[in-house]
Amino acid sequence: MVQRTLYKEMTEENSTNSHLSVAMTTEETDNTHTTGENSMTSSSVGDVTFYMQCAVIFIGVVGIAGNALILYALVASKQHKKHALIVNQNALDLFSSFFLVITYCVQLSGIHLRLTGAFGYWLCIILLSENLVWWGTNGSMINLAIITIDRYLKVVHAVWSRKYLRPWVIHTGMAFAWFVGIVYNIIFVYYTTAVIQGRCLSYAIFPSDMANMVAIIWYILFFYVIILVIFIFCYGRILVAIRRQASVMASHTSAAGSSTGTGTGSSTGTGQTQSQQIQSNVIKTMIIVSAFYAISWLPYNVYVMLASSLLFPTLIYNAGIFYATTFLAFFYTSANPFIYATKFDPVRKILRKMISCKKTPVQPTSN
């Protein structure tokens, strides 16, 4: 998958060295100007790649700070137990953002160009292949689908969810997201990554191009298309159910108000309305997060599909365009906290207290 073209070039390098040496000795004078132009082009491409890698590191730093802040706000507002799946979502995003920064800093250091021995092999498998990054990223995708299903059951099948959706079920779903993200990437990286001529080639070792394509299609279907289908189905049914419940509650509230006046029925209706507003707020937040996920990950998946197909064999994964799509994909991870901060009331209240530097002045009292 990743760096497949580079792997082919390295395996064919020994067979082409003799031809290159002959061509260089016979046409060295004629090609001096062309070589200079090629070196300038290569230098400009390298500069673009370097700046895009720095941009990815920057977006990772923003993701670390934002997700850590939201986790603190959830705990400080005592909402971490009520919204355990959202806490798990931010924890996964924090994990992937942290190792995104570490991995790209190591790659920029150039250590991946001179790997030797067992240390070099395991450094390639664990860190340079972005294995740890995708533990959290793929787990975050699974957890987002679990949150969607959880909201769907609580709204559309409220009676069933109160009976069967126990805390241990939620905790099992949280563990399942971590388990899938870790196990899938460990197996995939182990069988498709190797150190060749001192360089780490991740997702590059496949029996054939067809096997590479099958692996790519499976990944995109499982971690993107199926999750989008879950979003569309669940949130579509949720919106229909909310509208139906709102019309029913409006009729009940008006009937209760006419029969009981402004007594107990009014306070009960107010409590139910507040509960529905909180639930509706959470659902709106998750719809925005899901839509943002679909948009930000689309360029990356399209590029991976094109680069791994036989139609575009010249696309390689160390080009600036790959890092641009990676930047957009992880922009989702770093922007999620700001969505929670602006749309999720408990988090917003805590953040307001943190950034508020002014105190209410004490008015003097007369004797």
Protein backbone atom coordinates (compact mmCIF):
# COMPACT_ATOMS: atom_id res chain seq x y z
CA MET A 1 0.00 0.00 0.00
CA VAL A 2 2.15 2.89 1.21
CA GLN A 3 5.37 3.45 -0.76
CA ARG A 4 4.62 0.62 -3.19
CA THR A 5 6.20 2.53 -6.09
CA LEU A 6 9.30 3.33 -4.07
CA TYR A 7 9.65 -0.34 -3.16
CA LYS A 8 9.55 -1.35 -6.82
CA GLU A 9 12.15 1.26 -7.71
CA MET A 10 14.52 0.01 -5.00
CA THR A 11 14.18 -3.64 -6.06
CA GLU A 12 15.01 -2.73 -9.66
CA GLU A 13 17.90 -0.43 -8.76
CA ASN A 14 20.64 -3.07 -8.99
CA SER A 15 19.59 -4.21 -12.48
CA THR A 16 19.65 -0.65 -13.87
CA ASN A 17 22.91 0.59 -12.38
CA SER A 18 25.07 -0.72 -15.26
CA HIS A 19 22.88 0.91 -17.91
CA LEU A 20 22.89 4.19 -16.02
CA SER A 21 26.69 4.21 -15.75
CA VAL A 22 27.12 3.68 -19.48
CA ALA A 23 24.60 6.40 -20.31
CA MET A 24 26.26 8.85 -17.96
CA THR A 25 29.75 8.29 -19.45
CA THR A 26 28.57 8.76 -23.06
CA GLU A 27 26.13 11.64 -22.54
CA GLU A 28 27.52 13.45 -19.53
CA THR A 29 28.21 16.69 -21.36
CA ASP A 30 24.83 16.86 -23.12
CA ASN A 31 22.84 16.24 -19.94
CA THR A 32 24.54 18.76 -17.65
CA HIS A 33 21.85 21.40 -18.08
CA THR A 34 19.03 18.87 -17.74
CA THR A 35 20.54 17.47 -14.57
CA GLY A 36 20.65 20.93 -13.08
CA GLU A 37 16.98 21.50 -13.86
CA ASN A 38 16.05 18.13 -12.39
CA SER A 39 17.97 18.88 -9.20
CA MET A 40 16.18 22.21 -8.84
CA THR A 41 12.80 20.50 -9.36
CA SER A 42 13.69 17.81 -6.84
CA SER A 43 14.74 20.47 -4.34
CA SER A 44 11.45 22.37 -4.71
CA VAL A 45 9.44 19.15 -4.30
CA GLY A 46 11.48 18.33 -1.21
CA ASP A 47 10.76 21.76 0.25
CA VAL A 48 7.01 21.32 -0.29
CA THR A 49 7.14 17.89 1.35
CA PHE A 50 9.09 19.28 4.31
CA TYR A 51 6.62 22.13 4.90
CA MET A 52 3.65 19.80 4.61
CA GLN A 53 5.21 17.45 7.18
CA CYS A 54 5.69 20.44 9.49
CA ALA A 55 2.03 21.34 8.95
CA VAL A 56 1.01 17.81 9.99
CA ILE A 57 3.12 18.15 13.14
CA PHE A 58 1.44 21.48 13.90
CA ILE A 59 -2.04 20.00 13.51
CA GLY A 60 -0.98 17.17 15.83
CA VAL A 61 0.11 19.65 18.50
CA VAL A 62 -3.24 21.43 18.22
CA GLY A 63 -4.98 18.05 18.56
CA ILE A 64 -3.03 17.24 21.72
CA ALA A 65 -3.86 20.56 23.37
CA GLY A 66 -7.51 20.60 22.33
CA ASN A 67 -8.38 17.02 23.26
CA ALA A 68 -6.56 17.28 26.59
CA LEU A 69 -8.50 20.46 27.38
CA ILE A 70 -11.85 18.86 26.53
CA LEU A 71 -11.05 15.81 28.66
CA TYR A 72 -10.28 18.11 31.57
CA ALA A 73 -13.54 20.02 31.04
CA LEU A 74 -15.57 16.80 30.95
CA VAL A 75 -14.05 15.63 34.21
CA ALA A 76 -14.34 19.04 35.87
CA SER A 77 -18.01 19.32 34.90
CA LYS A 78 -18.59 15.77 36.21
CA GLN A 79 -19.92 14.70 32.80
CA HIS A 80 -17.30 12.03 32.14
CA LYS A 81 -19.48 9.25 33.57
CA LYS A 82 -22.62 10.37 31.76
CA HIS A 83 -20.79 10.67 28.43
CA ALA A 84 -18.20 7.89 28.69
CA LEU A 85 -18.14 7.28 24.94
CA ILE A 86 -17.36 10.94 24.23
CA VAL A 87 -14.54 10.75 26.79
CA ASN A 88 -13.25 7.68 24.98
CA GLN A 89 -13.47 9.54 21.67
CA ASN A 90 -11.30 12.37 22.95
CA ALA A 91 -8.86 9.92 24.55
CA LEU A 92 -8.40 8.11 21.23
CA ASP A 93 -7.92 11.40 19.38
CA LEU A 94 -5.43 12.55 22.01
CA PHE A 95 -3.51 9.27 21.66
CA SER A 96 -3.30 9.51 17.85
CA SER A 97 -2.38 13.22 17.93
CA PHE A 98 0.45 12.59 20.40
CA PHE A 99 2.03 9.80 18.35
CA LEU A 100 1.43 11.73 15.13
CA VAL A 101 3.76 14.44 16.44
CA ILE A 102 6.32 11.91 17.70
CA THR A 103 6.31 9.89 14.46
CA TYR A 104 6.69 12.85 12.11
CA CYS A 105 9.41 14.42 14.25
CA VAL A 106 11.39 11.16 14.05
CA GLN A 107 10.81 11.00 10.29
CA LEU A 108 12.07 14.56 9.84
CA SER A 109 15.18 13.70 11.83
CA GLY A 110 16.27 11.35 9.03
CA ILE A 111 16.76 8.31 11.23
CA HIS A 112 14.47 6.28 8.94
CA LEU A 113 17.14 6.42 6.19
CA ARG A 114 19.73 4.36 8.08
CA LEU A 115 17.96 1.57 9.97
CA THR A 116 20.01 -1.46 10.94
CA GLY A 117 19.57 -4.57 13.05
CA ALA A 118 16.72 -5.57 15.30
CA PHE A 119 16.38 -2.05 16.73
CA GLY A 120 15.90 -0.59 13.26
CA TYR A 121 13.34 -3.25 12.38
CA TRP A 122 11.18 -2.71 15.46
CA LEU A 123 11.54 1.06 15.19
CA CYS A 124 10.15 0.72 11.68
CA ILE A 125 7.32 -1.62 12.72
CA ILE A 126 6.20 0.29 15.80
CA LEU A 127 6.90 3.97 15.14
CA LEU A 128 8.02 4.87 11.62
CA SER A 129 5.20 2.90 10.01
CA GLU A 130 2.75 5.16 11.91
CA ASN A 131 1.41 2.05 13.61
CA LEU A 132 0.74 3.81 16.91
CA VAL A 133 -0.91 6.73 15.13
CA TRP A 134 -3.40 4.43 13.44
CA TRP A 135 -4.13 2.57 16.68
CA GLY A 136 -5.86 5.69 17.93
CA THR A 137 -7.16 6.90 14.56
CA ASN A 138 -8.91 3.68 13.52
CA GLY A 139 -10.16 3.17 17.07
CA SER A 140 -11.60 6.69 16.95
CA MET A 141 -13.52 5.81 13.78
CA ILE A 142 -15.01 2.72 15.41
CA ASN A 143 -15.86 4.64 18.58
CA LEU A 144 -17.64 7.34 16.56
CA ALA A 145 -19.85 4.66 15.00
CA ILE A 146 -20.55 3.23 18.48
CA ILE A 147 -21.59 6.68 19.73
CA THR A 148 -23.98 6.97 16.78
CA ILE A 149 -25.54 3.57 17.50
CA ASP A 150 -25.80 4.45 21.20
CA ARG A 151 -27.70 7.68 20.44
CA TYR A 152 -29.93 5.85 17.98
CA LEU A 153 -30.94 3.23 20.53
CA LYS A 154 -31.58 5.79 23.28
CA VAL A 155 -33.85 7.91 21.08
CA VAL A 156 -35.55 5.48 18.70
CA HIS A 157 -35.68 2.45 21.03
CA ALA A 158 -35.76 4.19 24.41
CA VAL A 159 -37.51 1.37 26.32
CA TRP A 160 -35.16 -1.30 25.00
CA SER A 161 -32.07 0.82 25.72
CA ARG A 162 -33.11 1.48 29.34
CA LYS A 163 -33.54 -2.24 29.83
CA TYR A 164 -30.45 -3.61 28.10
CA LEU A 165 -27.98 -0.73 27.58
CA ARG A 166 -26.17 -1.13 30.91
CA PRO A 167 -22.87 0.57 31.83
CA TRP A 168 -20.95 -2.66 31.18
CA VAL A 169 -22.24 -2.61 27.61
CA ILE A 170 -20.91 0.92 27.12
CA HIS A 171 -17.54 -0.03 28.62
CA THR A 172 -17.38 -3.08 26.37
CA GLY A 173 -17.97 -0.84 23.36
CA MET A 174 -15.17 1.48 24.48
CA ALA A 175 -12.77 -1.45 24.85
CA PHE A 176 -13.89 -2.84 21.48
CA ALA A 177 -12.88 0.42 19.73
CA TRP A 178 -9.36 0.19 21.17
CA PHE A 179 -9.14 -3.53 20.44
CA VAL A 180 -10.08 -3.23 16.76
CA GLY A 181 -7.76 -0.27 16.17
CA ILE A 182 -4.77 -2.01 17.78
CA VAL A 183 -5.21 -5.56 16.48
CA TYR A 184 -6.03 -4.56 12.91
CA ASN A 185 -2.98 -2.32 12.56
CA ILE A 186 -0.59 -4.71 14.29
CA ILE A 187 -1.49 -7.52 11.88
CA PHE A 188 -1.55 -5.31 8.80
CA VAL A 189 1.76 -3.58 9.54
CA TYR A 190 3.54 -6.80 10.53
CA TYR A 191 2.78 -8.52 7.21
CA THR A 192 3.25 -5.52 4.89
CA THR A 193 6.23 -3.64 6.36
CA ALA A 194 9.97 -4.35 6.07
CA VAL A 195 13.37 -2.67 6.27
CA ILE A 196 15.04 -2.78 2.86
CA GLN A 197 18.48 -1.24 2.27
CA GLY A 198 18.23 0.54 5.62
CA ARG A 199 14.89 2.19 4.82
CA CYS A 200 11.52 1.54 6.42
CA LEU A 201 8.92 0.64 3.79
CA SER A 202 5.53 0.50 5.48
CA TYR A 203 2.46 -1.08 3.88
CA ALA A 204 4.61 -1.95 0.85
CA ILE A 205 5.09 -5.73 0.89
CA PHE A 206 2.23 -7.41 -0.96
CA PRO A 207 2.16 -10.66 -2.95
CA SER A 208 0.68 -8.81 -5.93
CA ASP A 209 -0.93 -5.56 -7.01
CA MET A 210 -4.32 -7.26 -6.77
CA ALA A 211 -3.69 -8.08 -3.09
CA ASN A 212 -2.76 -4.45 -2.54
CA MET A 213 -6.00 -3.27 -4.14
CA VAL A 214 -8.11 -5.72 -2.12
CA ALA A 215 -6.50 -4.50 1.11
CA ILE A 216 -7.16 -0.85 0.20
CA ILE A 217 -10.78 -1.48 -0.80
CA TRP A 218 -11.43 -3.43 2.40
CA TYR A 219 -9.94 -0.66 4.53
CA ILE A 220 -11.97 2.11 2.87
CA LEU A 221 -15.18 0.07 3.03
CA PHE A 222 -14.75 -0.85 6.69
CA PHE A 223 -13.37 2.40 8.13
CA TYR A 224 -15.15 4.93 5.90
CA VAL A 225 -18.08 3.74 3.79
CA ILE A 226 -19.75 1.50 6.39
CA ILE A 227 -19.32 4.14 9.07
CA LEU A 228 -20.92 6.75 6.79
CA VAL A 229 -23.86 4.39 6.20
CA ILE A 230 -24.26 4.07 9.98
CA PHE A 231 -24.24 7.86 10.33
CA ILE A 232 -26.86 8.41 7.63
CA PHE A 233 -29.20 5.67 8.82
CA CYS A 234 -29.02 6.33 12.56
CA TYR A 235 -29.14 10.12 12.53
CA GLY A 236 -31.87 10.09 9.90
CA ARG A 237 -34.03 7.91 12.14
CA ILE A 238 -33.09 10.02 15.16
CA LEU A 239 -34.25 13.26 13.54
CA VAL A 240 -37.56 11.67 12.55
CA ALA A 241 -38.07 10.36 16.10
CA ILE A 242 -37.22 13.73 17.67
CA ARG A 243 -39.77 15.53 15.53
CA ARG A 244 -42.41 12.97 16.42
CA GLN A 245 -41.62 13.21 20.14
CA ALA A 246 -41.66 17.01 20.01
CA SER A 247 -45.16 17.07 18.52
CA VAL A 248 -46.42 14.54 21.07
CA MET A 249 -44.89 16.46 24.00
CA ALA A 250 -46.35 19.73 22.74
CA SER A 251 -49.85 18.25 22.73
CA HIS A 252 -49.39 16.69 26.18
CA THR A 253 -47.99 19.91 27.64
CA SER A 254 -50.89 21.99 26.37
CA ALA A 255 -53.40 19.45 27.72
CA ALA A 256 -51.67 19.28 31.10
CA GLY A 257 -51.48 23.07 31.31
CA SER A 258 -55.19 23.52 30.64
CA SER A 259 -56.19 20.89 33.23
CA THR A 260 -53.75 21.62 36.08
CA GLY A 261 -53.02 25.29 35.57
CA THR A 262 -49.54 26.32 36.67
CA GLY A 263 -49.05 23.59 39.23
CA THR A 264 -47.11 20.33 39.14
CA GLY A 265 -47.80 19.61 35.50
CA SER A 266 -45.96 22.77 34.48
CA SER A 267 -42.83 21.90 36.48
CA THR A 268 -42.84 18.33 35.17
CA GLY A 269 -43.17 19.59 31.60
CA THR A 270 -40.29 22.01 32.19
CA GLY A 271 -38.06 19.21 33.48
CA GLN A 272 -38.86 17.02 30.50
CA THR A 273 -38.21 19.91 28.14
CA GLN A 274 -34.79 20.56 29.68
CA SER A 275 -33.89 16.87 29.42
CA GLN A 276 -34.91 16.83 25.77
CA GLN A 277 -32.89 19.97 25.09
CA ILE A 278 -29.76 18.39 26.58
CA GLN A 279 -30.27 15.23 24.54
CA SER A 280 -30.97 17.23 21.40
CA ASN A 281 -27.82 19.28 22.00
CA VAL A 282 -25.66 16.16 22.23
CA ILE A 283 -27.22 14.74 19.06
CA LYS A 284 -26.64 17.97 17.13
CA THR A 285 -23.02 17.99 18.26
CA MET A 286 -22.46 14.42 17.10
CA ILE A 287 -24.13 15.11 13.75
CA ILE A 288 -21.68 17.96 13.14
CA VAL A 289 -18.75 15.75 14.19
CA SER A 290 -19.91 12.96 11.86
CA ALA A 291 -20.38 15.31 8.89
CA PHE A 292 -16.95 16.81 9.50
CA TYR A 293 -15.47 13.30 9.61
CA ALA A 294 -17.01 12.45 6.22
CA ILE A 295 -15.65 15.60 4.57
CA SER A 296 -12.14 15.66 6.05
CA TRP A 297 -11.33 11.99 5.41
CA LEU A 298 -12.66 11.93 1.84
CA PRO A 299 -9.51 13.38 0.11
CA TYR A 300 -7.20 10.98 1.96
CA ASN A 301 -9.22 7.90 1.02
CA VAL A 302 -9.54 9.00 -2.61
CA TYR A 303 -5.78 9.59 -2.85
CA VAL A 304 -4.98 6.23 -1.25
CA MET A 305 -7.31 4.49 -3.71
CA LEU A 306 -5.77 6.23 -6.74
CA ALA A 307 -2.17 5.75 -5.62
CA SER A 308 -2.69 2.05 -4.97
CA SER A 309 -4.42 1.35 -8.29
CA LEU A 310 -2.71 0.40 -11.52
CA LEU A 311 -4.17 3.47 -13.23
CA PHE A 312 -1.88 5.92 -11.41
CA PRO A 313 1.43 4.09 -10.77
CA THR A 314 3.45 7.32 -10.60
CA LEU A 315 1.76 8.56 -7.43
CA ILE A 316 4.00 7.92 -4.44
CA TYR A 317 3.30 8.33 -0.74
CA ASN A 318 6.16 10.65 0.06
CA ALA A 319 4.82 13.40 -2.21
CA GLY A 320 3.52 16.71 -0.91
CA ILE A 321 -0.03 15.88 -2.01
CA PHE A 322 -0.08 12.87 0.32
CA TYR A 323 0.87 15.01 3.29
CA ALA A 324 -1.75 17.57 2.26
CA THR A 325 -4.49 14.94 2.41
CA THR A 326 -3.04 13.68 5.70
CA PHE A 327 -3.18 17.23 7.05
CA LEU A 328 -6.87 17.48 6.13
CA ALA A 329 -7.63 14.08 7.68
CA PHE A 330 -6.00 14.89 11.01
CA PHE A 331 -7.49 18.37 10.93
CA TYR A 332 -10.67 16.53 11.87
CA THR A 333 -8.95 15.12 14.96
CA SER A 334 -7.69 18.51 16.07
CA ALA A 335 -10.92 20.40 15.27
CA ASN A 336 -13.20 18.01 17.16
CA PRO A 337 -12.43 19.61 20.54
CA PHE A 338 -13.51 23.03 19.26
CA ILE A 339 -16.83 21.54 18.12
CA TYR A 340 -17.39 20.14 21.60
CA ALA A 341 -16.35 23.45 23.14
CA THR A 342 -18.89 25.46 21.14
CA LYS A 343 -21.79 22.99 21.03
CA PHE A 344 -21.62 20.94 24.25
CA ASP A 345 -23.04 22.99 27.15
CA PRO A 346 -21.20 21.36 30.13
CA VAL A 347 -17.85 21.73 28.37
CA ARG A 348 -18.62 25.27 27.30
CA LYS A 349 -19.43 26.32 30.86
CA ILE A 350 -16.14 24.97 32.22
CA LEU A 351 -14.11 26.61 29.45
CA ARG A 352 -15.83 29.92 30.10
CA LYS A 353 -14.77 29.73 33.73
CA MET A 354 -11.20 28.94 32.69
CA ILE A 355 -10.84 31.84 30.27
CA SER A 356 -12.75 34.34 32.36
CA CYS A 357 -10.29 36.72 33.99
CA LYS A 358 -12.77 39.29 35.25
CA LYS A 359 -14.53 39.08 38.56
CA THR A 360 -17.92 40.50 39.34
CA PRO A 361 -17.33 43.81 41.20
CA VAL A 362 -18.71 44.01 44.71
CA GLN A 363 -21.21 46.80 45.05
CA PRO A 364 -20.82 48.95 48.21
CA THR A 365 -23.67 48.72 50.65
CA SER A 366 -25.03 51.68 52.54
CA ASN A 367 -25.46 51.55 56.33
